[in-house]
Amino acid sequence: MYLGRREREAMEQKGSARDGRAGETDR
């Protein structure tokens, strides 16, 4: 599933709030 740059940034911000390492956990 490909996410747009804007959606990805938003998800990273939400993930970083609870995970602290957003993006890496998504991969």
C-alpha atoms as a PDB file:
ATOM      1  CA  MET A   1       0.000   0.000   0.000  1.00  0.00           C
ATOM      2  CA  TYR A   2       1.564   3.276  -1.075  1.00  0.00           C
ATOM      3  CA  LEU A   3       0.868   6.358   1.008  1.00  0.00           C
ATOM      4  CA  GLY A   4       1.186   9.906  -0.217  1.00  0.00           C
ATOM      5  CA  ARG A   5       3.927  12.113   1.247  1.00  0.00           C
ATOM      6  CA  ARG A   6       1.369  14.115   3.215  1.00  0.00           C
ATOM      7  CA  GLU A   7      -0.380  10.993   4.594  1.00  0.00           C
ATOM      8  CA  ARG A   8       2.997   9.411   5.421  1.00  0.00           C
ATOM      9  CA  GLU A   9       4.170  12.463   7.323  1.00  0.00           C
ATOM     10  CA  ALA A  10       0.897  12.545   9.268  1.00  0.00           C
ATOM     11  CA  MET A  11       1.191   8.829  10.126  1.00  0.00           C
ATOM     12  CA  GLU A  12       4.821   9.283  11.142  1.00  0.00           C
ATOM     13  CA  GLN A  13       3.861  12.110  13.495  1.00  0.00           C
ATOM     14  CA  LYS A  14       1.137   9.955  15.098  1.00  0.00           C
ATOM     15  CA  GLY A  15       3.441   6.916  15.314  1.00  0.00           C
ATOM     16  CA  SER A  16       6.349   8.922  16.701  1.00  0.00           C
ATOM     17  CA  ALA A  17       4.054  10.081  19.504  1.00  0.00           C
ATOM     18  CA  ARG A  18       3.478   6.491  20.723  1.00  0.00           C
ATOM     19  CA  ASP A  19       6.328   4.531  19.089  1.00  0.00           C
ATOM     20  CA  GLY A  20       9.091   7.105  19.010  1.00  0.00           C
ATOM     21  CA  ARG A  21      10.391   5.504  15.761  1.00  0.00           C
ATOM     22  CA  ALA A  22       7.723   6.093  13.129  1.00  0.00           C
ATOM     23  CA  GLY A  23       8.328   4.751   9.638  1.00  0.00           C
ATOM     24  CA  GLU A  24      10.680   1.983  10.717  1.00  0.00           C
ATOM     25  CA  THR A  25       7.876   0.033  12.411  1.00  0.00           C
ATOM     26  CA  ASP A  26       5.749   0.551   9.284  1.00  0.00           C
ATOM     27  CA  ARG A  27       8.303  -1.137   6.985  1.00  0.00           C
END
